[in-house]
């Protein structure tokens, strides 16, 4: 049974005592945004976040990439080229999701295949 594979001192009741609250909290946290959508539909704050979040996401990705790649061989060059590709895709299609995805894929291609 299950108790044969558990560490010493851990019972199946202990496992369930942890798993059940985790499941309840996970389901609750995934349900909350859908429940809040009705109340926040005409909110100025949500409209502002919808307009500003794509820019915020791009800034965070750029800062994270540059600081994370300072010591990697070719990392800054790859990050710079990916930034140029991201900006070009965004100017071309005006789609934040597509430009983030395209720039990220280009960066991953450079880092994993070229350098």
PDB file of N, CA and C in Angstrom:
ATOM      1  N   UNK A   1       0.831  -1.192   0.000  1.00  0.00           N
ATOM      2  CA  UNK A   1       0.000   0.000   0.000  1.00  0.00           C
ATOM      3  C   UNK A   1       0.872   1.252   0.000  1.00  0.00           C
ATOM      4  N   UNK A   2       0.251   2.405   0.125  1.00  0.00           N
ATOM      5  CA  UNK A   2       0.927   3.692   0.070  1.00  0.00           C
ATOM      6  C   UNK A   2       1.940   3.863   1.190  1.00  0.00           C
ATOM      7  N   UNK A   3       1.653   3.357   2.367  1.00  0.00           N
ATOM      8  CA  UNK A   3       2.528   3.577   3.517  1.00  0.00           C
ATOM      9  C   UNK A   3       3.899   2.920   3.341  1.00  0.00           C
ATOM     10  N   UNK A   4       4.022   1.924   2.466  1.00  0.00           N
ATOM     11  CA  UNK A   4       5.316   1.277   2.253  1.00  0.00           C
ATOM     12  C   UNK A   4       6.306   2.209   1.548  1.00  0.00           C
ATOM     13  N   UNK A   5       5.825   3.158   0.780  1.00  0.00           N
ATOM     14  CA  UNK A   5       6.727   4.028   0.039  1.00  0.00           C
ATOM     15  C   UNK A   5       6.941   5.378   0.721  1.00  0.00           C
ATOM     16  N   UNK A   6       6.355   5.590   1.865  1.00  0.00           N
ATOM     17  CA  UNK A   6       6.507   6.848   2.581  1.00  0.00           C
ATOM     18  C   UNK A   6       7.733   6.814   3.493  1.00  0.00           C
ATOM     19  N   UNK A   7       8.321   7.975   3.742  1.00  0.00           N
ATOM     20  CA  UNK A   7       9.449   8.014   4.685  1.00  0.00           C
ATOM     21  C   UNK A   7       9.006   7.614   6.091  1.00  0.00           C
ATOM     22  N   UNK A   8       9.968   7.266   6.903  1.00  0.00           N
ATOM     23  CA  UNK A   8       9.662   6.882   8.284  1.00  0.00           C
ATOM     24  C   UNK A   8       8.985   8.030   9.021  1.00  0.00           C
ATOM     25  N   UNK A   9       7.941   7.710   9.750  1.00  0.00           N
ATOM     26  CA  UNK A   9       7.233   8.699  10.536  1.00  0.00           C
ATOM     27  C   UNK A   9       6.134   9.439   9.782  1.00  0.00           C
ATOM     28  N   UNK A  10       5.990   9.209   8.490  1.00  0.00           N
ATOM     29  CA  UNK A  10       4.957   9.879   7.700  1.00  0.00           C
ATOM     30  C   UNK A  10       3.875   8.855   7.388  1.00  0.00           C
ATOM     31  N   UNK A  11       2.666   9.191   7.750  1.00  0.00           N
ATOM     32  CA  UNK A  11       1.538   8.289   7.531  1.00  0.00           C
ATOM     33  C   UNK A  11       0.696   8.784   6.360  1.00  0.00           C
ATOM     34  N   UNK A  12      -0.140   7.922   5.811  1.00  0.00           N
ATOM     35  CA  UNK A  12      -1.050   8.387   4.764  1.00  0.00           C
ATOM     36  C   UNK A  12      -1.956   9.533   5.232  1.00  0.00           C
ATOM     37  N   UNK A  13      -2.320   9.536   6.493  1.00  0.00           N
ATOM     38  CA  UNK A  13      -3.143  10.629   7.035  1.00  0.00           C
ATOM     39  C   UNK A  13      -2.377  11.953   6.961  1.00  0.00           C
ATOM     40  N   UNK A  14      -1.080  11.915   7.213  1.00  0.00           N
ATOM     41  CA  UNK A  14      -0.262  13.132   7.090  1.00  0.00           C
ATOM     42  C   UNK A  14      -0.257  13.650   5.656  1.00  0.00           C
ATOM     43  N   UNK A  15      -0.128  12.734   4.720  1.00  0.00           N
ATOM     44  CA  UNK A  15      -0.119  13.112   3.308  1.00  0.00           C
ATOM     45  C   UNK A  15      -1.447  13.755   2.923  1.00  0.00           C
ATOM     46  N   UNK A  16      -2.549  13.127   3.309  1.00  0.00           N
ATOM     47  CA  UNK A  16      -3.872  13.691   2.990  1.00  0.00           C
ATOM     48  C   UNK A  16      -4.105  15.015   3.698  1.00  0.00           C
ATOM     49  N   UNK A  17      -3.547  15.165   4.910  1.00  0.00           N
ATOM     50  CA  UNK A  17      -3.708  16.425   5.649  1.00  0.00           C
ATOM     51  C   UNK A  17      -3.012  17.585   4.938  1.00  0.00           C
ATOM     52  N   UNK A  18      -2.038  17.287   4.124  1.00  0.00           N
ATOM     53  CA  UNK A  18      -1.366  18.318   3.345  1.00  0.00           C
ATOM     54  C   UNK A  18      -2.029  18.482   1.980  1.00  0.00           C
ATOM     55  N   UNK A  19      -2.341  17.383   1.315  1.00  0.00           N
ATOM     56  CA  UNK A  19      -2.872  17.436  -0.045  1.00  0.00           C
ATOM     57  C   UNK A  19      -4.263  18.061  -0.143  1.00  0.00           C
ATOM     58  N   UNK A  20      -5.144  17.760   0.800  1.00  0.00           N
ATOM     59  CA  UNK A  20      -6.520  18.284   0.731  1.00  0.00           C
ATOM     60  C   UNK A  20      -6.533  19.814   0.813  1.00  0.00           C
ATOM     61  N   UNK A  21      -5.864  20.451   1.786  1.00  0.00           N
ATOM     62  CA  UNK A  21      -5.847  21.924   1.775  1.00  0.00           C
ATOM     63  C   UNK A  21      -5.188  22.508   0.525  1.00  0.00           C
ATOM     64  N   UNK A  22      -4.138  21.859   0.031  1.00  0.00           N
ATOM     65  CA  UNK A  22      -3.493  22.343  -1.195  1.00  0.00           C
ATOM     66  C   UNK A  22      -4.482  22.319  -2.353  1.00  0.00           C
ATOM     67  N   UNK A  23      -5.228  21.244  -2.491  1.00  0.00           N
ATOM     68  CA  UNK A  23      -6.223  21.141  -3.571  1.00  0.00           C
ATOM     69  C   UNK A  23      -7.306  22.206  -3.429  1.00  0.00           C
ATOM     70  N   UNK A  24      -7.807  22.399  -2.232  1.00  0.00           N
ATOM     71  CA  UNK A  24      -8.869  23.385  -2.009  1.00  0.00           C
ATOM     72  C   UNK A  24      -8.360  24.792  -2.332  1.00  0.00           C
ATOM     73  N   UNK A  25      -7.191  25.126  -1.858  1.00  0.00           N
ATOM     74  CA  UNK A  25      -6.632  26.463  -2.104  1.00  0.00           C
ATOM     75  C   UNK A  25      -6.352  26.666  -3.593  1.00  0.00           C
ATOM     76  N   UNK A  26      -5.840  25.646  -4.267  1.00  0.00           N
ATOM     77  CA  UNK A  26      -5.560  25.758  -5.697  1.00  0.00           C
ATOM     78  C   UNK A  26      -6.830  25.997  -6.496  1.00  0.00           C
ATOM     79  N   UNK A  27      -7.874  25.221  -6.219  1.00  0.00           N
ATOM     80  CA  UNK A  27      -9.152  25.405  -6.922  1.00  0.00           C
ATOM     81  C   UNK A  27      -9.716  26.793  -6.625  1.00  0.00           C
ATOM     82  N   UNK A  28      -9.631  27.234  -5.391  1.00  0.00           N
ATOM     83  CA  UNK A  28     -10.139  28.560  -5.026  1.00  0.00           C
ATOM     84  C   UNK A  28      -9.387  29.660  -5.772  1.00  0.00           C
ATOM     85  N   UNK A  29      -8.063  29.569  -5.792  1.00  0.00           N
ATOM     86  CA  UNK A  29      -7.268  30.608  -6.448  1.00  0.00           C
ATOM     87  C   UNK A  29      -7.483  30.633  -7.960  1.00  0.00           C
ATOM     88  N   UNK A  30      -7.798  29.512  -8.553  1.00  0.00           N
ATOM     89  CA  UNK A  30      -8.091  29.494  -9.990  1.00  0.00           C
ATOM     90  C   UNK A  30      -9.506  29.978 -10.277  1.00  0.00           C
ATOM     91  N   UNK A  31     -10.394  29.898  -9.310  1.00  0.00           N
ATOM     92  CA  UNK A  31     -11.772  30.332  -9.483  1.00  0.00           C
ATOM     93  C   UNK A  31     -11.924  31.843  -9.273  1.00  0.00           C
ATOM     94  N   UNK A  32     -11.123  32.424  -8.395  1.00  0.00           N
ATOM     95  CA  UNK A  32     -11.259  33.833  -8.024  1.00  0.00           C
ATOM     96  C   UNK A  32     -11.236  34.787  -9.221  1.00  0.00           C
ATOM     97  N   UNK A  33     -10.290  34.673 -10.164  1.00  0.00           N
ATOM     98  CA  UNK A  33     -10.301  35.625 -11.286  1.00  0.00           C
ATOM     99  C   UNK A  33     -11.588  35.584 -12.097  1.00  0.00           C
ATOM    100  N   UNK A  34     -12.153  34.403 -12.277  1.00  0.00           N
ATOM    101  CA  UNK A  34     -13.398  34.295 -13.042  1.00  0.00           C
ATOM    102  C   UNK A  34     -14.567  34.897 -12.275  1.00  0.00           C
ATOM    103  N   UNK A  35     -14.576  34.714 -10.971  1.00  0.00           N
ATOM    104  CA  UNK A  35     -15.641  35.294 -10.153  1.00  0.00           C
ATOM    105  C   UNK A  35     -15.516  36.814 -10.082  1.00  0.00           C
ATOM    106  N   UNK A  36     -14.292  37.313 -10.083  1.00  0.00           N
ATOM    107  CA  UNK A  36     -14.076  38.756  -9.980  1.00  0.00           C
ATOM    108  C   UNK A  36     -14.310  39.482 -11.300  1.00  0.00           C
ATOM    109  N   UNK A  37     -14.332  38.755 -12.391  1.00  0.00           N
ATOM    110  CA  UNK A  37     -14.482  39.382 -13.704  1.00  0.00           C
ATOM    111  C   UNK A  37     -15.766  40.196 -13.806  1.00  0.00           C
ATOM    112  N   UNK A  38     -16.848  39.688 -13.277  1.00  0.00           N
ATOM    113  CA  UNK A  38     -18.120  40.406 -13.358  1.00  0.00           C
ATOM    114  C   UNK A  38     -18.064  41.743 -12.627  1.00  0.00           C
ATOM    115  N   UNK A  39     -17.437  41.762 -11.486  1.00  0.00           N
ATOM    116  CA  UNK A  39     -17.362  42.993 -10.696  1.00  0.00           C
ATOM    117  C   UNK A  39     -16.379  44.001 -11.272  1.00  0.00           C
ATOM    118  N   UNK A  40     -15.351  43.515 -11.937  1.00  0.00           N
ATOM    119  CA  UNK A  40     -14.293  44.395 -12.420  1.00  0.00           C
ATOM    120  C   UNK A  40     -14.418  44.736 -13.902  1.00  0.00           C
ATOM    121  N   UNK A  41     -15.508  44.346 -14.512  1.00  0.00           N
ATOM    122  CA  UNK A  41     -15.662  44.522 -15.952  1.00  0.00           C
ATOM    123  C   UNK A  41     -15.539  45.980 -16.394  1.00  0.00           C
ATOM    124  N   UNK A  42     -16.098  46.916 -15.664  1.00  0.00           N
ATOM    125  CA  UNK A  42     -16.060  48.324 -16.036  1.00  0.00           C
ATOM    126  C   UNK A  42     -15.119  49.138 -15.139  1.00  0.00           C
ATOM    127  N   UNK A  43     -14.118  48.502 -14.601  1.00  0.00           N
ATOM    128  CA  UNK A  43     -13.207  49.160 -13.673  1.00  0.00           C
ATOM    129  C   UNK A  43     -12.129  49.941 -14.423  1.00  0.00           C
ATOM    130  N   UNK A  44     -11.854  51.160 -13.972  1.00  0.00           N
ATOM    131  CA  UNK A  44     -10.791  51.962 -14.569  1.00  0.00           C
ATOM    132  C   UNK A  44      -9.427  51.345 -14.299  1.00  0.00           C
ATOM    133  N   UNK A  45      -9.268  50.714 -13.140  1.00  0.00           N
ATOM    134  CA  UNK A  45      -7.990  50.094 -12.798  1.00  0.00           C
ATOM    135  C   UNK A  45      -7.681  48.946 -13.760  1.00  0.00           C
ATOM    136  N   UNK A  46      -8.664  48.123 -14.038  1.00  0.00           N
ATOM    137  CA  UNK A  46      -8.468  46.998 -14.949  1.00  0.00           C
ATOM    138  C   UNK A  46      -8.187  47.502 -16.363  1.00  0.00           C
ATOM    139  N   UNK A  47      -8.870  48.562 -16.780  1.00  0.00           N
ATOM    140  CA  UNK A  47      -8.597  49.145 -18.091  1.00  0.00           C
ATOM    141  C   UNK A  47      -7.160  49.659 -18.168  1.00  0.00           C
ATOM    142  N   UNK A  48      -6.710  50.315 -17.093  1.00  0.00           N
ATOM    143  CA  UNK A  48      -5.337  50.816 -17.048  1.00  0.00           C
ATOM    144  C   UNK A  48      -4.334  49.665 -17.111  1.00  0.00           C
ATOM    145  N   UNK A  49      -4.564  48.608 -16.323  1.00  0.00           N
ATOM    146  CA  UNK A  49      -3.659  47.458 -16.336  1.00  0.00           C
ATOM    147  C   UNK A  49      -3.643  46.787 -17.706  1.00  0.00           C
ATOM    148  N   UNK A  50      -4.801  46.711 -18.349  1.00  0.00           N
ATOM    149  CA  UNK A  50      -4.866  46.115 -19.677  1.00  0.00           C
ATOM    150  C   UNK A  50      -4.062  46.899 -20.701  1.00  0.00           C
ATOM    151  N   UNK A  51      -4.008  48.202 -20.521  1.00  0.00           N
ATOM    152  CA  UNK A  51      -3.248  49.037 -21.452  1.00  0.00           C
ATOM    153  C   UNK A  51      -1.760  49.056 -21.118  1.00  0.00           C
ATOM    154  N   UNK A  52      -1.403  48.973 -19.844  1.00  0.00           N
ATOM    155  CA  UNK A  52      -0.002  49.134 -19.455  1.00  0.00           C
ATOM    156  C   UNK A  52       0.747  47.822 -19.222  1.00  0.00           C
ATOM    157  N   UNK A  53       0.076  46.735 -18.994  1.00  0.00           N
ATOM    158  CA  UNK A  53       0.766  45.481 -18.680  1.00  0.00           C
ATOM    159  C   UNK A  53       1.660  44.965 -19.805  1.00  0.00           C
ATOM    160  N   UNK A  54       1.236  45.020 -21.074  1.00  0.00           N
ATOM    161  CA  UNK A  54       2.167  44.528 -22.107  1.00  0.00           C
ATOM    162  C   UNK A  54       3.502  45.269 -22.090  1.00  0.00           C
ATOM    163  N   UNK A  55       3.479  46.559 -21.869  1.00  0.00           N
ATOM    164  CA  UNK A  55       4.720  47.329 -21.794  1.00  0.00           C
ATOM    165  C   UNK A  55       5.511  46.902 -20.563  1.00  0.00           C
ATOM    166  N   UNK A  56       4.830  46.724 -19.450  1.00  0.00           N
ATOM    167  CA  UNK A  56       5.495  46.291 -18.222  1.00  0.00           C
ATOM    168  C   UNK A  56       6.133  44.925 -18.368  1.00  0.00           C
ATOM    169  N   UNK A  57       5.433  44.011 -19.023  1.00  0.00           N
ATOM    170  CA  UNK A  57       5.979  42.668 -19.239  1.00  0.00           C
ATOM    171  C   UNK A  57       7.233  42.747 -20.100  1.00  0.00           C
ATOM    172  N   UNK A  58       7.194  43.555 -21.146  1.00  0.00           N
ATOM    173  CA  UNK A  58       8.361  43.672 -22.024  1.00  0.00           C
ATOM    174  C   UNK A  58       9.549  44.273 -21.271  1.00  0.00           C
ATOM    175  N   UNK A  59       9.311  45.283 -20.442  1.00  0.00           N
ATOM    176  CA  UNK A  59      10.405  45.898 -19.687  1.00  0.00           C
ATOM    177  C   UNK A  59      11.011  44.882 -18.718  1.00  0.00           C
ATOM    178  N   UNK A  60      10.177  44.127 -18.035  1.00  0.00           N
ATOM    179  CA  UNK A  60      10.671  43.121 -17.096  1.00  0.00           C
ATOM    180  C   UNK A  60      11.489  42.064 -17.824  1.00  0.00           C
ATOM    181  N   UNK A  61      11.012  41.614 -18.984  1.00  0.00           N
ATOM    182  CA  UNK A  61      11.761  40.618 -19.751  1.00  0.00           C
ATOM    183  C   UNK A  61      13.123  41.153 -20.187  1.00  0.00           C
ATOM    184  N   UNK A  62      13.171  42.390 -20.630  1.00  0.00           N
ATOM    185  CA  UNK A  62      14.430  42.975 -21.078  1.00  0.00           C
ATOM    186  C   UNK A  62      15.410  43.097 -19.908  1.00  0.00           C
ATOM    187  N   UNK A  63      14.956  43.641 -18.789  1.00  0.00           N
ATOM    188  CA  UNK A  63      15.832  43.813 -17.624  1.00  0.00           C
ATOM    189  C   UNK A  63      16.319  42.456 -17.109  1.00  0.00           C
ATOM    190  N   UNK A  64      15.407  41.507 -16.999  1.00  0.00           N
ATOM    191  CA  UNK A  64      15.783  40.172 -16.522  1.00  0.00           C
ATOM    192  C   UNK A  64      16.802  39.526 -17.456  1.00  0.00           C
ATOM    193  N   UNK A  65      16.580  39.645 -18.743  1.00  0.00           N
ATOM    194  CA  UNK A  65      17.483  39.036 -19.712  1.00  0.00           C
ATOM    195  C   UNK A  65      18.867  39.655 -19.650  1.00  0.00           C
ATOM    196  N   UNK A  66      18.926  40.974 -19.629  1.00  0.00           N
ATOM    197  CA  UNK A  66      20.242  41.627 -19.615  1.00  0.00           C
ATOM    198  C   UNK A  66      21.014  41.342 -18.329  1.00  0.00           C
ATOM    199  N   UNK A  67      20.354  41.416 -17.190  1.00  0.00           N
ATOM    200  CA  UNK A  67      21.067  41.159 -15.941  1.00  0.00           C
ATOM    201  C   UNK A  67      21.419  39.686 -15.791  1.00  0.00           C
ATOM    202  N   UNK A  68      20.591  38.805 -16.338  1.00  0.00           N
ATOM    203  CA  UNK A  68      20.856  37.369 -16.250  1.00  0.00           C
ATOM    204  C   UNK A  68      21.940  36.895 -17.194  1.00  0.00           C
ATOM    205  N   UNK A  69      22.217  37.654 -18.253  1.00  0.00           N
ATOM    206  CA  UNK A  69      23.167  37.208 -19.266  1.00  0.00           C
ATOM    207  C   UNK A  69      24.473  37.990 -19.272  1.00  0.00           C
ATOM    208  N   UNK A  70      24.712  38.793 -18.274  1.00  0.00           N
ATOM    209  CA  UNK A  70      25.940  39.607 -18.263  1.00  0.00           C
ATOM    210  C   UNK A  70      27.201  38.766 -18.337  1.00  0.00           C
ATOM    211  N   UNK A  71      27.205  37.602 -17.688  1.00  0.00           N
ATOM    212  CA  UNK A  71      28.420  36.800 -17.641  1.00  0.00           C
ATOM    213  C   UNK A  71      28.444  35.683 -18.671  1.00  0.00           C
ATOM    214  N   UNK A  72      27.329  35.416 -19.336  1.00  0.00           N
ATOM    215  CA  UNK A  72      27.286  34.322 -20.307  1.00  0.00           C
ATOM    216  C   UNK A  72      27.967  34.732 -21.611  1.00  0.00           C
ATOM    217  N   UNK A  73      28.679  33.791 -22.218  1.00  0.00           N
ATOM    218  CA  UNK A  73      29.367  34.073 -23.479  1.00  0.00           C
ATOM    219  C   UNK A  73      28.335  34.319 -24.573  1.00  0.00           C
ATOM    220  N   UNK A  74      28.364  35.477 -25.168  1.00  0.00           N
ATOM    221  CA  UNK A  74      27.423  35.821 -26.228  1.00  0.00           C
ATOM    222  C   UNK A  74      26.045  36.180 -25.732  1.00  0.00           C
ATOM    223  N   UNK A  75      25.844  36.166 -24.431  1.00  0.00           N
ATOM    224  CA  UNK A  75      24.522  36.410 -23.873  1.00  0.00           C
ATOM    225  C   UNK A  75      24.001  37.805 -24.135  1.00  0.00           C
ATOM    226  N   UNK A  76      24.852  38.795 -23.944  1.00  0.00           N
ATOM    227  CA  UNK A  76      24.420  40.171 -24.190  1.00  0.00           C
ATOM    228  C   UNK A  76      24.169  40.436 -25.663  1.00  0.00           C
ATOM    229  N   UNK A  77      24.986  39.831 -26.520  1.00  0.00           N
ATOM    230  CA  UNK A  77      24.774  39.991 -27.963  1.00  0.00           C
ATOM    231  C   UNK A  77      23.447  39.347 -28.355  1.00  0.00           C
ATOM    232  N   UNK A  78      23.198  38.133 -27.857  1.00  0.00           N
ATOM    233  CA  UNK A  78      21.943  37.439 -28.154  1.00  0.00           C
ATOM    234  C   UNK A  78      20.754  38.238 -27.630  1.00  0.00           C
ATOM    235  N   UNK A  79      20.886  38.775 -26.432  1.00  0.00           N
ATOM    236  CA  UNK A  79      19.805  39.572 -25.861  1.00  0.00           C
ATOM    237  C   UNK A  79      19.564  40.834 -26.670  1.00  0.00           C
ATOM    238  N   UNK A  80      20.634  41.477 -27.114  1.00  0.00           N
ATOM    239  CA  UNK A  80      20.485  42.682 -27.937  1.00  0.00           C
ATOM    240  C   UNK A  80      19.818  42.386 -29.267  1.00  0.00           C
ATOM    241  N   UNK A  81      20.241  41.310 -29.918  1.00  0.00           N
ATOM    242  CA  UNK A  81      19.620  40.928 -31.187  1.00  0.00           C
ATOM    243  C   UNK A  81      18.149  40.555 -30.997  1.00  0.00           C
ATOM    244  N   UNK A  82      17.858  39.845 -29.917  1.00  0.00           N
ATOM    245  CA  UNK A  82      16.466  39.469 -29.639  1.00  0.00           C
ATOM    246  C   UNK A  82      15.618  40.706 -29.348  1.00  0.00           C
ATOM    247  N   UNK A  83      16.199  41.700 -28.699  1.00  0.00           N
ATOM    248  CA  UNK A  83      15.474  42.945 -28.446  1.00  0.00           C
ATOM    249  C   UNK A  83      15.136  43.638 -29.760  1.00  0.00           C
ATOM    250  N   UNK A  84      16.082  43.666 -30.688  1.00  0.00           N
ATOM    251  CA  UNK A  84      15.833  44.275 -31.998  1.00  0.00           C
ATOM    252  C   UNK A  84      14.728  43.514 -32.732  1.00  0.00           C
ATOM    253  N   UNK A  85      14.772  42.182 -32.692  1.00  0.00           N
ATOM    254  CA  UNK A  85      13.739  41.369 -33.337  1.00  0.00           C
ATOM    255  C   UNK A  85      12.376  41.621 -32.684  1.00  0.00           C
ATOM    256  N   UNK A  86      12.349  41.703 -31.357  1.00  0.00           N
ATOM    257  CA  UNK A  86      11.100  41.955 -30.646  1.00  0.00           C
ATOM    258  C   UNK A  86      10.498  43.297 -31.053  1.00  0.00           C
ATOM    259  N   UNK A  87      11.315  44.331 -31.101  1.00  0.00           N
ATOM    260  CA  UNK A  87      10.833  45.663 -31.499  1.00  0.00           C
ATOM    261  C   UNK A  87      10.352  45.647 -32.942  1.00  0.00           C
ATOM    262  N   UNK A  88      11.083  44.962 -33.819  1.00  0.00           N
ATOM    263  CA  UNK A  88      10.691  44.895 -35.229  1.00  0.00           C
ATOM    264  C   UNK A  88       9.348  44.185 -35.401  1.00  0.00           C
ATOM    265  N   UNK A  89       9.176  43.073 -34.704  1.00  0.00           N
ATOM    266  CA  UNK A  89       7.898  42.358 -34.789  1.00  0.00           C
ATOM    267  C   UNK A  89       6.775  43.227 -34.252  1.00  0.00           C
ATOM    268  N   UNK A  90       7.050  43.944 -33.168  1.00  0.00           N
ATOM    269  CA  UNK A  90       5.991  44.783 -32.587  1.00  0.00           C
ATOM    270  C   UNK A  90       5.622  45.931 -33.530  1.00  0.00           C
ATOM    271  N   UNK A  91       6.594  46.559 -34.158  1.00  0.00           N
ATOM    272  CA  UNK A  91       6.295  47.632 -35.115  1.00  0.00           C
ATOM    273  C   UNK A  91       5.538  47.082 -36.324  1.00  0.00           C
ATOM    274  N   UNK A  92       5.899  45.869 -36.725  1.00  0.00           N
ATOM    275  CA  UNK A  92       5.283  45.261 -37.897  1.00  0.00           C
ATOM    276  C   UNK A  92       3.834  44.855 -37.639  1.00  0.00           C
ATOM    277  N   UNK A  93       3.561  44.148 -36.536  1.00  0.00           N
ATOM    278  CA  UNK A  93       2.235  43.589 -36.283  1.00  0.00           C
ATOM    279  C   UNK A  93       1.434  44.296 -35.192  1.00  0.00           C
ATOM    280  N   UNK A  94       2.058  45.122 -34.387  1.00  0.00           N
ATOM    281  CA  UNK A  94       1.379  45.799 -33.264  1.00  0.00           C
ATOM    282  C   UNK A  94       0.680  44.803 -32.337  1.00  0.00           C
ATOM    283  N   UNK A  95       1.342  43.694 -32.084  1.00  0.00           N
ATOM    284  CA  UNK A  95       0.788  42.653 -31.221  1.00  0.00           C
ATOM    285  C   UNK A  95       1.781  42.345 -30.110  1.00  0.00           C
ATOM    286  N   UNK A  96       1.474  42.767 -28.868  1.00  0.00           N
ATOM    287  CA  UNK A  96       2.414  42.507 -27.768  1.00  0.00           C
ATOM    288  C   UNK A  96       2.707  41.020 -27.570  1.00  0.00           C
ATOM    289  N   UNK A  97       1.682  40.204 -27.651  1.00  0.00           N
ATOM    290  CA  UNK A  97       1.890  38.766 -27.456  1.00  0.00           C
ATOM    291  C   UNK A  97       2.796  38.168 -28.507  1.00  0.00           C
ATOM    292  N   UNK A  98       2.554  38.533 -29.762  1.00  0.00           N
ATOM    293  CA  UNK A  98       3.366  38.012 -30.860  1.00  0.00           C
ATOM    294  C   UNK A  98       4.805  38.512 -30.767  1.00  0.00           C
ATOM    295  N   UNK A  99       4.990  39.778 -30.417  1.00  0.00           N
ATOM    296  CA  UNK A  99       6.351  40.310 -30.328  1.00  0.00           C
ATOM    297  C   UNK A  99       7.107  39.694 -29.158  1.00  0.00           C
ATOM    298  N   UNK A 100       6.455  39.484 -28.027  1.00  0.00           N
ATOM    299  CA  UNK A 100       7.107  38.827 -26.885  1.00  0.00           C
ATOM    300  C   UNK A 100       7.474  37.399 -27.254  1.00  0.00           C
ATOM    301  N   UNK A 101       6.548  36.685 -27.859  1.00  0.00           N
ATOM    302  CA  UNK A 101       6.807  35.292 -28.247  1.00  0.00           C
ATOM    303  C   UNK A 101       7.915  35.216 -29.287  1.00  0.00           C
ATOM    304  N   UNK A 102       7.849  36.058 -30.312  1.00  0.00           N
ATOM    305  CA  UNK A 102       8.870  36.033 -31.361  1.00  0.00           C
ATOM    306  C   UNK A 102      10.248  36.373 -30.835  1.00  0.00           C
ATOM    307  N   UNK A 103      10.341  37.423 -30.016  1.00  0.00           N
ATOM    308  CA  UNK A 103      11.630  37.802 -29.440  1.00  0.00           C
ATOM    309  C   UNK A 103      12.183  36.738 -28.519  1.00  0.00           C
ATOM    310  N   UNK A 104      11.321  36.132 -27.719  1.00  0.00           N
ATOM    311  CA  UNK A 104      11.759  35.075 -26.807  1.00  0.00           C
ATOM    312  C   UNK A 104      12.243  33.860 -27.582  1.00  0.00           C
ATOM    313  N   UNK A 105      11.502  33.460 -28.606  1.00  0.00           N
ATOM    314  CA  UNK A 105      11.923  32.311 -29.411  1.00  0.00           C
ATOM    315  C   UNK A 105      13.251  32.586 -30.124  1.00  0.00           C
ATOM    316  N   UNK A 106      13.402  33.792 -30.653  1.00  0.00           N
ATOM    317  CA  UNK A 106      14.655  34.152 -31.320  1.00  0.00           C
ATOM    318  C   UNK A 106      15.817  34.122 -30.327  1.00  0.00           C
ATOM    319  N   UNK A 107      15.598  34.650 -29.142  1.00  0.00           N
ATOM    320  CA  UNK A 107      16.629  34.649 -28.099  1.00  0.00           C
ATOM    321  C   UNK A 107      17.007  33.216 -27.714  1.00  0.00           C
ATOM    322  N   UNK A 108      15.996  32.376 -27.513  1.00  0.00           N
ATOM    323  CA  UNK A 108      16.259  30.986 -27.137  1.00  0.00           C
ATOM    324  C   UNK A 108      17.005  30.249 -28.245  1.00  0.00           C
ATOM    325  N   UNK A 109      16.677  30.544 -29.490  1.00  0.00           N
ATOM    326  CA  UNK A 109      17.376  29.957 -30.616  1.00  0.00           C
ATOM    327  C   UNK A 109      18.856  30.356 -30.603  1.00  0.00           C
ATOM    328  N   UNK A 110      19.117  31.648 -30.420  1.00  0.00           N
ATOM    329  CA  UNK A 110      20.497  32.127 -30.390  1.00  0.00           C
ATOM    330  C   UNK A 110      21.296  31.519 -29.237  1.00  0.00           C
ATOM    331  N   UNK A 111      20.710  31.527 -28.052  1.00  0.00           N
ATOM    332  CA  UNK A 111      21.439  31.047 -26.869  1.00  0.00           C
ATOM    333  C   UNK A 111      21.688  29.544 -26.933  1.00  0.00           C
ATOM    334  N   UNK A 112      20.725  28.783 -27.420  1.00  0.00           N
ATOM    335  CA  UNK A 112      20.857  27.331 -27.398  1.00  0.00           C
ATOM    336  C   UNK A 112      21.527  26.739 -28.629  1.00  0.00           C
ATOM    337  N   UNK A 113      21.486  27.428 -29.749  1.00  0.00           N
ATOM    338  CA  UNK A 113      22.059  26.849 -30.961  1.00  0.00           C
ATOM    339  C   UNK A 113      23.332  27.583 -31.394  1.00  0.00           C
ATOM    340  N   UNK A 114      23.314  28.900 -31.381  1.00  0.00           N
ATOM    341  CA  UNK A 114      24.453  29.674 -31.881  1.00  0.00           C
ATOM    342  C   UNK A 114      25.560  29.759 -30.848  1.00  0.00           C
ATOM    343  N   UNK A 115      25.235  30.146 -29.625  1.00  0.00           N
ATOM    344  CA  UNK A 115      26.260  30.311 -28.597  1.00  0.00           C
ATOM    345  C   UNK A 115      26.204  29.203 -27.612  1.00  0.00           C
TER     346      UNK A 115
END
